[in-house]
PDB file of N, CA and C in Angstrom:
ATOM      1  N   MET A   1       0.758  -1.263  -0.143  1.00  0.00           N
ATOM      2  CA  MET A   1       0.302   0.097  -0.115  1.00  0.00           C
ATOM      3  C   MET A   1       0.864   1.401  -0.174  1.00  0.00           C
ATOM      4  N   ILE A   2       0.533   2.149  -0.668  1.00  0.00           N
ATOM      5  CA  ILE A   2       1.111   3.433  -0.641  1.00  0.00           C
ATOM      6  C   ILE A   2       0.479   4.673   0.127  1.00  0.00           C
ATOM      7  N   ARG A   3       0.986   5.163   1.260  1.00  0.00           N
ATOM      8  CA  ARG A   3       0.667   6.077   1.978  1.00  0.00           C
ATOM      9  C   ARG A   3       1.317   7.390   1.575  1.00  0.00           C
ATOM     10  N   VAL A   4       0.419   8.334   1.280  1.00  0.00           N
ATOM     11  CA  VAL A   4       0.663  10.002   1.234  1.00  0.00           C
ATOM     12  C   VAL A   4       0.247  10.719   2.304  1.00  0.00           C
ATOM     13  N   THR A   5       1.301  11.354   2.838  1.00  0.00           N
ATOM     14  CA  THR A   5       1.216  12.352   3.909  1.00  0.00           C
ATOM     15  C   THR A   5       1.473  13.585   3.675  1.00  0.00           C
ATOM     16  N   ILE A   6       0.332  14.475   3.193  1.00  0.00           N
ATOM     17  CA  ILE A   6       0.384  15.639   2.878  1.00  0.00           C
ATOM     18  C   ILE A   6       0.653  16.916   4.036  1.00  0.00           C
ATOM     19  N   PHE A   7       1.706  17.582   3.951  1.00  0.00           N
ATOM     20  CA  PHE A   7       2.126  18.414   5.334  1.00  0.00           C
ATOM     21  C   PHE A   7       1.629  19.379   5.043  1.00  0.00           C
ATOM     22  N   LYS A   8       0.932  20.364   6.161  1.00  0.00           N
ATOM     23  CA  LYS A   8      -0.060  21.413   6.038  1.00  0.00           C
ATOM     24  C   LYS A   8       0.456  22.177   7.054  1.00  0.00           C
ATOM     25  N   ASP A   9       0.232  23.611   7.096  1.00  0.00           N
ATOM     26  CA  ASP A   9       0.054  24.608   7.823  1.00  0.00           C
ATOM     27  C   ASP A   9      -0.972  25.666   7.473  1.00  0.00           C
ATOM     28  N   HIS A  10      -1.950  25.610   8.475  1.00  0.00           N
ATOM     29  CA  HIS A  10      -3.135  26.450   8.031  1.00  0.00           C
ATOM     30  C   HIS A  10      -3.370  25.866   6.503  1.00  0.00           C
ATOM     31  N   ASP A  11      -3.637  27.117   5.412  1.00  0.00           N
ATOM     32  CA  ASP A  11      -4.200  26.577   4.492  1.00  0.00           C
ATOM     33  C   ASP A  11      -3.209  26.470   3.119  1.00  0.00           C
ATOM     34  N   SER A  12      -1.840  26.580   3.513  1.00  0.00           N
ATOM     35  CA  SER A  12      -0.709  25.878   2.511  1.00  0.00           C
ATOM     36  C   SER A  12      -0.219  24.670   2.845  1.00  0.00           C
ATOM     37  N   ILE A  13      -0.294  23.999   1.508  1.00  0.00           N
ATOM     38  CA  ILE A  13       0.657  22.599   1.705  1.00  0.00           C
ATOM     39  C   ILE A  13       2.541  22.902   1.755  1.00  0.00           C
ATOM     40  N   LEU A  14       3.180  22.780   2.501  1.00  0.00           N
ATOM     41  CA  LEU A  14       4.642  22.555   3.087  1.00  0.00           C
ATOM     42  C   LEU A  14       5.211  21.424   2.184  1.00  0.00           C
ATOM     43  N   GLY A  15       4.663  20.346   1.816  1.00  0.00           N
ATOM     44  CA  GLY A  15       5.354  19.121   1.262  1.00  0.00           C
ATOM     45  C   GLY A  15       4.427  18.116   1.167  1.00  0.00           C
ATOM     46  N   PHE A  16       5.234  16.690   1.158  1.00  0.00           N
ATOM     47  CA  PHE A  16       4.825  15.740   1.364  1.00  0.00           C
ATOM     48  C   PHE A  16       5.593  14.447   1.274  1.00  0.00           C
ATOM     49  N   ARG A  17       4.820  13.318   1.862  1.00  0.00           N
ATOM     50  CA  ARG A  17       5.901  12.339   2.037  1.00  0.00           C
ATOM     51  C   ARG A  17       5.229  10.993   1.151  1.00  0.00           C
ATOM     52  N   CYS A  18       5.712  10.379   0.144  1.00  0.00           N
ATOM     53  CA  CYS A  18       4.893   9.138  -0.490  1.00  0.00           C
ATOM     54  C   CYS A  18       5.660   7.735  -0.102  1.00  0.00           C
ATOM     55  N   LEU A  19       5.142   6.964   0.591  1.00  0.00           N
ATOM     56  CA  LEU A  19       5.925   5.964   1.032  1.00  0.00           C
ATOM     57  C   LEU A  19       5.118   4.488   0.548  1.00  0.00           C
ATOM     58  N   GLY A  20       5.619   3.638   0.071  1.00  0.00           N
ATOM     59  CA  GLY A  20       5.505   2.472   0.102  1.00  0.00           C
ATOM     60  C   GLY A  20       5.049   1.790  -1.913  1.00  0.00           C
ATOM     61  N   HIS A  21       4.375   0.833  -1.964  1.00  0.00           N
ATOM     62  CA  HIS A  21       4.005   0.256  -3.150  1.00  0.00           C
ATOM     63  C   HIS A  21       2.743  -0.179  -2.849  1.00  0.00           C
ATOM     64  N   ALA A  22       1.940   0.526  -4.184  1.00  0.00           N
ATOM     65  CA  ALA A  22       0.766  -0.268  -4.194  1.00  0.00           C
ATOM     66  C   ALA A  22       0.313  -1.754  -3.854  1.00  0.00           C
ATOM     67  N   GLY A  23       0.897  -2.693  -4.673  1.00  0.00           N
ATOM     68  CA  GLY A  23       0.903  -3.913  -4.725  1.00  0.00           C
ATOM     69  C   GLY A  23      -0.588  -4.503  -5.520  1.00  0.00           C
ATOM     70  N   TYR A  24      -0.964  -3.240  -6.544  1.00  0.00           N
ATOM     71  CA  TYR A  24      -2.228  -3.771  -7.498  1.00  0.00           C
ATOM     72  C   TYR A  24      -1.812  -4.759  -8.567  1.00  0.00           C
ATOM     73  N   ALA A  25      -0.482  -4.569  -8.873  1.00  0.00           N
ATOM     74  CA  ALA A  25      -0.390  -5.415  -9.965  1.00  0.00           C
ATOM     75  C   ALA A  25       1.223  -6.147  -9.718  1.00  0.00           C
ATOM     76  N   GLU A  26       1.930  -6.830 -10.812  1.00  0.00           N
ATOM     77  CA  GLU A  26       3.027  -7.024 -10.435  1.00  0.00           C
ATOM     78  C   GLU A  26       4.137  -5.841 -10.715  1.00  0.00           C
ATOM     79  N   SER A  27       5.150  -5.748 -10.291  1.00  0.00           N
ATOM     80  CA  SER A  27       6.173  -4.635 -10.668  1.00  0.00           C
ATOM     81  C   SER A  27       6.546  -4.593 -12.238  1.00  0.00           C
ATOM     82  N   GLY A  28       6.201  -2.942 -12.933  1.00  0.00           N
ATOM     83  CA  GLY A  28       6.050  -3.122 -14.222  1.00  0.00           C
ATOM     84  C   GLY A  28       4.645  -3.099 -14.562  1.00  0.00           C
ATOM     85  N   MET A  29       3.859  -3.679 -14.248  1.00  0.00           N
ATOM     86  CA  MET A  29       2.190  -3.935 -14.327  1.00  0.00           C
ATOM     87  C   MET A  29       1.165  -2.734 -13.590  1.00  0.00           C
ATOM     88  N   ASP A  30       2.337  -2.580 -12.627  1.00  0.00           N
ATOM     89  CA  ASP A  30       1.003  -1.915 -11.481  1.00  0.00           C
ATOM     90  C   ASP A  30       0.479  -0.612 -11.846  1.00  0.00           C
ATOM     91  N   VAL A  31      -0.600  -0.326 -12.231  1.00  0.00           N
ATOM     92  CA  VAL A  31      -1.123   1.248 -12.946  1.00  0.00           C
ATOM     93  C   VAL A  31      -1.415   2.271 -11.544  1.00  0.00           C
ATOM     94  N   VAL A  32      -1.446   1.894 -10.394  1.00  0.00           N
ATOM     95  CA  VAL A  32      -1.890   2.366  -9.348  1.00  0.00           C
ATOM     96  C   VAL A  32      -0.331   3.279  -9.194  1.00  0.00           C
ATOM     97  N   CYS A  33       0.658   2.408  -8.904  1.00  0.00           N
ATOM     98  CA  CYS A  33       2.281   2.706  -8.819  1.00  0.00           C
ATOM     99  C   CYS A  33       2.341   3.695  -9.557  1.00  0.00           C
ATOM    100  N   ALA A  34       2.139   3.526 -10.703  1.00  0.00           N
ATOM    101  CA  ALA A  34       2.862   4.187 -11.799  1.00  0.00           C
ATOM    102  C   ALA A  34       2.325   5.478 -11.696  1.00  0.00           C
ATOM    103  N   GLY A  35       0.629   5.662 -11.788  1.00  0.00           N
ATOM    104  CA  GLY A  35       0.206   6.734 -11.865  1.00  0.00           C
ATOM    105  C   GLY A  35       0.363   7.420 -10.278  1.00  0.00           C
ATOM    106  N   VAL A  36       0.869   7.020  -9.362  1.00  0.00           N
ATOM    107  CA  VAL A  36       1.147   7.685  -7.945  1.00  0.00           C
ATOM    108  C   VAL A  36       2.567   8.370  -8.321  1.00  0.00           C
ATOM    109  N   SER A  37       3.391   7.598  -8.696  1.00  0.00           N
ATOM    110  CA  SER A  37       4.678   8.121  -9.137  1.00  0.00           C
ATOM    111  C   SER A  37       5.018   9.272 -10.120  1.00  0.00           C
ATOM    112  N   ALA A  38       3.981   9.254 -11.337  1.00  0.00           N
ATOM    113  CA  ALA A  38       3.781   9.986 -12.237  1.00  0.00           C
ATOM    114  C   ALA A  38       3.400  11.203 -11.591  1.00  0.00           C
ATOM    115  N   LEU A  39       2.712  11.367 -10.530  1.00  0.00           N
ATOM    116  CA  LEU A  39       1.889  12.718 -10.116  1.00  0.00           C
ATOM    117  C   LEU A  39       3.123  13.373  -9.255  1.00  0.00           C
ATOM    118  N   VAL A  40       3.295  12.410  -8.411  1.00  0.00           N
ATOM    119  CA  VAL A  40       4.131  12.822  -7.373  1.00  0.00           C
ATOM    120  C   VAL A  40       5.812  13.494  -8.131  1.00  0.00           C
ATOM    121  N   ILE A  41       6.472  12.569  -8.849  1.00  0.00           N
ATOM    122  CA  ILE A  41       7.364  13.004  -9.809  1.00  0.00           C
ATOM    123  C   ILE A  41       7.377  14.305 -10.400  1.00  0.00           C
ATOM    124  N   ASN A  42       6.508  14.507 -11.175  1.00  0.00           N
ATOM    125  CA  ASN A  42       6.412  15.750 -12.040  1.00  0.00           C
ATOM    126  C   ASN A  42       6.087  16.662 -11.172  1.00  0.00           C
ATOM    127  N   THR A  43       5.312  16.744 -10.083  1.00  0.00           N
ATOM    128  CA  THR A  43       5.199  17.425  -9.045  1.00  0.00           C
ATOM    129  C   THR A  43       6.294  18.307  -8.789  1.00  0.00           C
ATOM    130  N   VAL A  44       7.471  17.201  -8.409  1.00  0.00           N
ATOM    131  CA  VAL A  44       8.659  17.672  -7.776  1.00  0.00           C
ATOM    132  C   VAL A  44       9.540  18.220  -8.906  1.00  0.00           C
ATOM    133  N   ASN A  45       9.422  17.919 -10.113  1.00  0.00           N
ATOM    134  CA  ASN A  45      10.369  18.420 -11.043  1.00  0.00           C
ATOM    135  C   ASN A  45       9.612  19.722 -11.859  1.00  0.00           C
ATOM    136  N   SER A  46       8.515  20.431 -11.826  1.00  0.00           N
ATOM    137  CA  SER A  46       7.412  21.348 -12.086  1.00  0.00           C
ATOM    138  C   SER A  46       8.057  22.012 -10.749  1.00  0.00           C
ATOM    139  N   ILE A  47       7.933  21.691  -9.693  1.00  0.00           N
ATOM    140  CA  ILE A  47       8.418  23.058  -8.433  1.00  0.00           C
ATOM    141  C   ILE A  47       9.614  23.183  -8.580  1.00  0.00           C
ATOM    142  N   GLU A  48      10.607  22.575  -8.938  1.00  0.00           N
ATOM    143  CA  GLU A  48      12.127  22.774  -9.135  1.00  0.00           C
ATOM    144  C   GLU A  48      12.326  23.586 -10.813  1.00  0.00           C
ATOM    145  N   LYS A  49      11.510  23.381 -11.692  1.00  0.00           N
ATOM    146  CA  LYS A  49      11.956  23.787 -12.955  1.00  0.00           C
ATOM    147  C   LYS A  49      11.176  25.433 -13.376  1.00  0.00           C
ATOM    148  N   LEU A  50      10.084  25.684 -12.313  1.00  0.00           N
ATOM    149  CA  LEU A  50       8.573  26.411 -13.088  1.00  0.00           C
ATOM    150  C   LEU A  50       8.473  27.101 -11.710  1.00  0.00           C
ATOM    151  N   THR A  51       9.118  27.251 -10.678  1.00  0.00           N
ATOM    152  CA  THR A  51       8.982  27.959  -9.358  1.00  0.00           C
ATOM    153  C   THR A  51      10.446  28.233  -8.955  1.00  0.00           C
ATOM    154  N   GLY A  52      10.674  29.535  -9.013  1.00  0.00           N
ATOM    155  CA  GLY A  52      11.892  29.761  -7.833  1.00  0.00           C
ATOM    156  C   GLY A  52      11.838  29.393  -6.422  1.00  0.00           C
ATOM    157  N   ASP A  53      10.909  28.241  -5.828  1.00  0.00           N
ATOM    158  CA  ASP A  53      10.737  27.812  -4.459  1.00  0.00           C
ATOM    159  C   ASP A  53      11.941  26.735  -4.284  1.00  0.00           C
ATOM    160  N   ALA A  54      12.723  27.030  -2.953  1.00  0.00           N
ATOM    161  CA  ALA A  54      13.441  26.135  -2.733  1.00  0.00           C
ATOM    162  C   ALA A  54      12.204  24.833  -2.135  1.00  0.00           C
ATOM    163  N   PHE A  55      13.280  23.873  -1.900  1.00  0.00           N
ATOM    164  CA  PHE A  55      12.505  22.685  -1.257  1.00  0.00           C
ATOM    165  C   PHE A  55      13.794  21.561  -0.886  1.00  0.00           C
ATOM    166  N   THR A  56      13.403  20.473   0.115  1.00  0.00           N
ATOM    167  CA  THR A  56      14.276  19.604   0.001  1.00  0.00           C
ATOM    168  C   THR A  56      13.636  17.964  -0.167  1.00  0.00           C
ATOM    169  N   LEU A  57      14.552  17.208  -0.744  1.00  0.00           N
ATOM    170  CA  LEU A  57      14.240  15.986  -1.536  1.00  0.00           C
ATOM    171  C   LEU A  57      14.599  15.140  -0.608  1.00  0.00           C
ATOM    172  N   SER A  58      13.904  13.923  -0.484  1.00  0.00           N
ATOM    173  CA  SER A  58      14.611  12.717  -0.125  1.00  0.00           C
ATOM    174  C   SER A  58      13.785  11.184  -0.826  1.00  0.00           C
ATOM    175  N   THR A  59      14.859  10.444  -1.341  1.00  0.00           N
ATOM    176  CA  THR A  59      14.086   9.424  -1.815  1.00  0.00           C
ATOM    177  C   THR A  59      15.083   8.092  -1.610  1.00  0.00           C
ATOM    178  N   GLU A  60      14.104   7.205  -1.674  1.00  0.00           N
ATOM    179  CA  GLU A  60      14.793   5.847  -1.329  1.00  0.00           C
ATOM    180  C   GLU A  60      14.127   4.579  -2.411  1.00  0.00           C
ATOM    181  N   GLU A  61      14.389   4.263  -3.001  1.00  0.00           N
ATOM    182  CA  GLU A  61      14.103   3.469  -4.390  1.00  0.00           C
ATOM    183  C   GLU A  61      13.066   2.141  -3.851  1.00  0.00           C
ATOM    184  N   GLU A  62      13.795   1.487  -3.239  1.00  0.00           N
ATOM    185  CA  GLU A  62      13.508   0.217  -2.741  1.00  0.00           C
ATOM    186  C   GLU A  62      12.182   0.414  -1.514  1.00  0.00           C
ATOM    187  N   GLU A  63      12.385   1.349  -0.813  1.00  0.00           N
ATOM    188  CA  GLU A  63      11.253   1.646   0.292  1.00  0.00           C
ATOM    189  C   GLU A  63      10.030   1.977  -0.755  1.00  0.00           C
ATOM    190  N   GLY A  64      10.236   2.826  -1.945  1.00  0.00           N
ATOM    191  CA  GLY A  64       9.483   3.388  -2.658  1.00  0.00           C
ATOM    192  C   GLY A  64       9.045   4.876  -1.602  1.00  0.00           C
ATOM    193  N   LEU A  65      10.116   5.454  -1.428  1.00  0.00           N
ATOM    194  CA  LEU A  65      10.039   7.029  -0.697  1.00  0.00           C
ATOM    195  C   LEU A  65      10.352   8.043  -1.437  1.00  0.00           C
ATOM    196  N   ILE A  66       9.728   9.059  -1.294  1.00  0.00           N
ATOM    197  CA  ILE A  66       9.569  10.533  -2.221  1.00  0.00           C
ATOM    198  C   ILE A  66       9.136  11.441  -0.859  1.00  0.00           C
ATOM    199  N   GLN A  67      10.112  12.215  -0.393  1.00  0.00           N
ATOM    200  CA  GLN A  67       9.780  13.169   0.218  1.00  0.00           C
ATOM    201  C   GLN A  67      10.162  14.497   0.316  1.00  0.00           C
ATOM    202  N   CYS A  68       9.249  15.117  -0.330  1.00  0.00           N
ATOM    203  CA  CYS A  68       9.367  16.454  -0.341  1.00  0.00           C
ATOM    204  C   CYS A  68       9.070  17.969   0.673  1.00  0.00           C
ATOM    205  N   LYS A  69       9.854  18.428   0.883  1.00  0.00           N
ATOM    206  CA  LYS A  69       9.428  19.508   2.126  1.00  0.00           C
ATOM    207  C   LYS A  69       9.919  21.205   1.796  1.00  0.00           C
ATOM    208  N   LEU A  70       9.243  21.988   1.810  1.00  0.00           N
ATOM    209  CA  LEU A  70       9.314  23.367   1.794  1.00  0.00           C
ATOM    210  C   LEU A  70       9.620  24.003   2.756  1.00  0.00           C
ATOM    211  N   PRO A  71      10.445  25.014   2.859  1.00  0.00           N
ATOM    212  CA  PRO A  71      11.098  25.778   4.547  1.00  0.00           C
ATOM    213  C   PRO A  71       9.709  26.815   4.631  1.00  0.00           C
ATOM    214  N   LYS A  72       8.979  27.163   3.443  1.00  0.00           N
ATOM    215  CA  LYS A  72       7.925  27.823   3.877  1.00  0.00           C
ATOM    216  C   LYS A  72       6.779  27.540   2.714  1.00  0.00           C
ATOM    217  N   ALA A  73       5.561  28.320   2.806  1.00  0.00           N
ATOM    218  CA  ALA A  73       4.855  28.001   1.905  1.00  0.00           C
ATOM    219  C   ALA A  73       5.052  28.064   0.205  1.00  0.00           C
ATOM    220  N   GLY A  74       5.858  29.052   0.168  1.00  0.00           N
ATOM    221  CA  GLY A  74       5.984  29.144  -1.213  1.00  0.00           C
ATOM    222  C   GLY A  74       5.273  29.828  -2.065  1.00  0.00           C
ATOM    223  N   SER A  75       5.475  29.971  -3.314  1.00  0.00           N
ATOM    224  CA  SER A  75       4.617  31.023  -4.271  1.00  0.00           C
ATOM    225  C   SER A  75       3.433  30.118  -4.523  1.00  0.00           C
ATOM    226  N   ASP A  76       2.599  31.165  -4.966  1.00  0.00           N
ATOM    227  CA  ASP A  76       1.049  30.530  -5.349  1.00  0.00           C
ATOM    228  C   ASP A  76       1.379  29.497  -6.521  1.00  0.00           C
ATOM    229  N   GLY A  77       2.293  29.325  -7.317  1.00  0.00           N
ATOM    230  CA  GLY A  77       2.501  28.496  -8.196  1.00  0.00           C
ATOM    231  C   GLY A  77       2.693  27.092  -7.824  1.00  0.00           C
ATOM    232  N   THR A  78       3.619  27.245  -6.952  1.00  0.00           N
ATOM    233  CA  THR A  78       3.794  25.847  -5.924  1.00  0.00           C
ATOM    234  C   THR A  78       2.684  25.499  -5.285  1.00  0.00           C
ATOM    235  N   GLN A  79       1.861  26.243  -4.849  1.00  0.00           N
ATOM    236  CA  GLN A  79       0.774  25.795  -3.701  1.00  0.00           C
ATOM    237  C   GLN A  79      -0.074  25.211  -5.118  1.00  0.00           C
ATOM    238  N   LEU A  80      -0.419  25.706  -6.214  1.00  0.00           N
ATOM    239  CA  LEU A  80      -1.045  24.943  -7.344  1.00  0.00           C
ATOM    240  C   LEU A  80      -0.864  23.865  -7.693  1.00  0.00           C
ATOM    241  N   LEU A  81       0.532  23.585  -8.347  1.00  0.00           N
ATOM    242  CA  LEU A  81       1.012  22.405  -8.058  1.00  0.00           C
ATOM    243  C   LEU A  81       0.970  21.329  -7.216  1.00  0.00           C
ATOM    244  N   LEU A  82       1.216  21.309  -5.860  1.00  0.00           N
ATOM    245  CA  LEU A  82       0.532  20.662  -4.952  1.00  0.00           C
ATOM    246  C   LEU A  82      -0.563  20.379  -4.854  1.00  0.00           C
ATOM    247  N   LYS A  83      -1.314  21.318  -5.099  1.00  0.00           N
ATOM    248  CA  LYS A  83      -3.271  20.950  -5.082  1.00  0.00           C
ATOM    249  C   LYS A  83      -3.240  19.927  -6.080  1.00  0.00           C
ATOM    250  N   SER A  84      -2.859  20.618  -7.049  1.00  0.00           N
ATOM    251  CA  SER A  84      -3.030  19.332  -8.225  1.00  0.00           C
ATOM    252  C   SER A  84      -2.512  18.264  -8.185  1.00  0.00           C
ATOM    253  N   MET A  85      -1.667  17.969  -7.354  1.00  0.00           N
ATOM    254  CA  MET A  85      -0.898  16.750  -7.121  1.00  0.00           C
ATOM    255  C   MET A  85      -2.018  15.881  -6.184  1.00  0.00           C
ATOM    256  N   VAL A  86      -2.491  16.571  -5.266  1.00  0.00           N
ATOM    257  CA  VAL A  86      -3.481  16.028  -4.259  1.00  0.00           C
ATOM    258  C   VAL A  86      -4.710  15.598  -4.893  1.00  0.00           C
ATOM    259  N   LEU A  87      -5.188  16.517  -5.755  1.00  0.00           N
ATOM    260  CA  LEU A  87      -6.282  16.332  -6.283  1.00  0.00           C
ATOM    261  C   LEU A  87      -6.320  14.933  -7.313  1.00  0.00           C
ATOM    262  N   GLY A  88      -4.933  14.615  -7.701  1.00  0.00           N
ATOM    263  CA  GLY A  88      -5.047  13.792  -8.596  1.00  0.00           C
ATOM    264  C   GLY A  88      -4.667  12.373  -7.862  1.00  0.00           C
ATOM    265  N   LEU A  89      -4.055  12.550  -6.756  1.00  0.00           N
ATOM    266  CA  LEU A  89      -4.049  11.454  -5.558  1.00  0.00           C
ATOM    267  C   LEU A  89      -5.435  11.119  -5.040  1.00  0.00           C
ATOM    268  N   LYS A  90      -6.085  11.875  -4.886  1.00  0.00           N
ATOM    269  CA  LYS A  90      -7.633  11.534  -4.568  1.00  0.00           C
ATOM    270  C   LYS A  90      -8.298  10.881  -5.612  1.00  0.00           C
ATOM    271  N   GLY A  91      -8.231  11.223  -6.822  1.00  0.00           N
ATOM    272  CA  GLY A  91      -8.877  10.465  -8.062  1.00  0.00           C
ATOM    273  C   GLY A  91      -8.133   8.892  -8.019  1.00  0.00           C
ATOM    274  N   ILE A  92      -7.216   8.703  -7.844  1.00  0.00           N
ATOM    275  CA  ILE A  92      -6.460   7.592  -7.893  1.00  0.00           C
ATOM    276  C   ILE A  92      -7.037   6.635  -6.656  1.00  0.00           C
ATOM    277  N   GLN A  93      -6.869   7.246  -5.362  1.00  0.00           N
ATOM    278  CA  GLN A  93      -7.921   6.988  -4.132  1.00  0.00           C
ATOM    279  C   GLN A  93      -9.213   6.423  -4.410  1.00  0.00           C
ATOM    280  N   LYS A  94      -9.924   7.002  -5.175  1.00  0.00           N
ATOM    281  CA  LYS A  94     -11.301   7.081  -5.362  1.00  0.00           C
ATOM    282  C   LYS A  94     -11.676   5.719  -6.008  1.00  0.00           C
ATOM    283  N   ASP A  95     -10.707   6.056  -7.272  1.00  0.00           N
ATOM    284  CA  ASP A  95     -10.890   4.753  -8.467  1.00  0.00           C
ATOM    285  C   ASP A  95     -10.540   3.487  -7.864  1.00  0.00           C
ATOM    286  N   TYR A  96      -9.431   3.612  -7.297  1.00  0.00           N
ATOM    287  CA  TYR A  96      -8.728   1.934  -6.866  1.00  0.00           C
ATOM    288  C   TYR A  96      -9.052   1.749  -5.285  1.00  0.00           C
ATOM    289  N   GLY A  97      -9.299   2.734  -4.324  1.00  0.00           N
ATOM    290  CA  GLY A  97      -9.716   2.168  -3.146  1.00  0.00           C
ATOM    291  C   GLY A  97      -8.487   2.507  -2.097  1.00  0.00           C
ATOM    292  N   ASN A  98      -9.025   2.384  -0.775  1.00  0.00           N
ATOM    293  CA  ASN A  98      -7.750   2.491   0.514  1.00  0.00           C
ATOM    294  C   ASN A  98      -6.929   1.093   0.705  1.00  0.00           C
ATOM    295  N   GLU A  99      -7.004   0.210  -0.254  1.00  0.00           N
ATOM    296  CA  GLU A  99      -6.429  -0.757  -0.125  1.00  0.00           C
ATOM    297  C   GLU A  99      -4.924  -0.926  -0.990  1.00  0.00           C
ATOM    298  N   PHE A 100      -4.780  -0.083  -1.804  1.00  0.00           N
ATOM    299  CA  PHE A 100      -4.092   0.634  -2.572  1.00  0.00           C
ATOM    300  C   PHE A 100      -3.161   1.643  -2.296  1.00  0.00           C
ATOM    301  N   ILE A 101      -3.839   3.085  -1.911  1.00  0.00           N
ATOM    302  CA  ILE A 101      -3.501   4.185  -1.339  1.00  0.00           C
ATOM    303  C   ILE A 101      -4.050   4.525  -0.696  1.00  0.00           C
ATOM    304  N   ILE A 102      -3.483   5.159   0.389  1.00  0.00           N
ATOM    305  CA  ILE A 102      -4.179   6.032   1.464  1.00  0.00           C
ATOM    306  C   ILE A 102      -3.574   7.581   1.671  1.00  0.00           C
ATOM    307  N   LEU A 103      -4.294   8.617   1.685  1.00  0.00           N
ATOM    308  CA  LEU A 103      -3.952   9.776   2.056  1.00  0.00           C
ATOM    309  C   LEU A 103      -4.314  10.163   3.325  1.00  0.00           C
ATOM    310  N   ASP A 104      -3.062  11.074   4.221  1.00  0.00           N
ATOM    311  CA  ASP A 104      -3.780  11.761   5.155  1.00  0.00           C
ATOM    312  C   ASP A 104      -2.708  12.790   5.190  1.00  0.00           C
ATOM    313  N   TYR A 105      -3.467  14.110   6.300  1.00  0.00           N
ATOM    314  CA  TYR A 105      -2.681  14.945   6.426  1.00  0.00           C
ATOM    315  C   TYR A 105      -2.197  15.357   7.857  1.00  0.00           C
ATOM    316  N   LYS A 106      -1.166  16.260   7.650  1.00  0.00           N
ATOM    317  CA  LYS A 106      -0.658  16.240   9.075  1.00  0.00           C
ATOM    318  C   LYS A 106      -0.130  17.653   9.090  1.00  0.00           C
ATOM    319  N   GLU A 107      -0.615  18.403  10.283  1.00  0.00           N
ATOM    320  CA  GLU A 107      -0.317  19.701  10.569  1.00  0.00           C
ATOM    321  C   GLU A 107       1.082  20.073  11.088  1.00  0.00           C
ATOM    322  N   VAL A 108       1.791  20.914  10.283  1.00  0.00           N
ATOM    323  CA  VAL A 108       3.343  21.197  10.632  1.00  0.00           C
ATOM    324  C   VAL A 108       3.733  22.610  11.496  1.00  0.00           C
TER     325      VAL A 108
END
């Protein structure tokens, strides 16, 4: 199962932690894992290339860890990218269920 924790401070998203593997299908055929990975990696790449906002990034491929943390709320563009990622993840969760992906929120 993939667990995505969204780090929030009031109305702003300050980052996220994505951990685990969906287990929906065999490696290479797992559409849930592929969808989550595409959303998360594209969000990180977009923040880096399209905004001037700083963030820290931690990854660990075997565990399926991608963690992105912003030192502050960041620009409107970064907030839009993060909200878009959350919207996409909620869609995957709705379509495939909590058996494969869980989203939760943590106030920081």
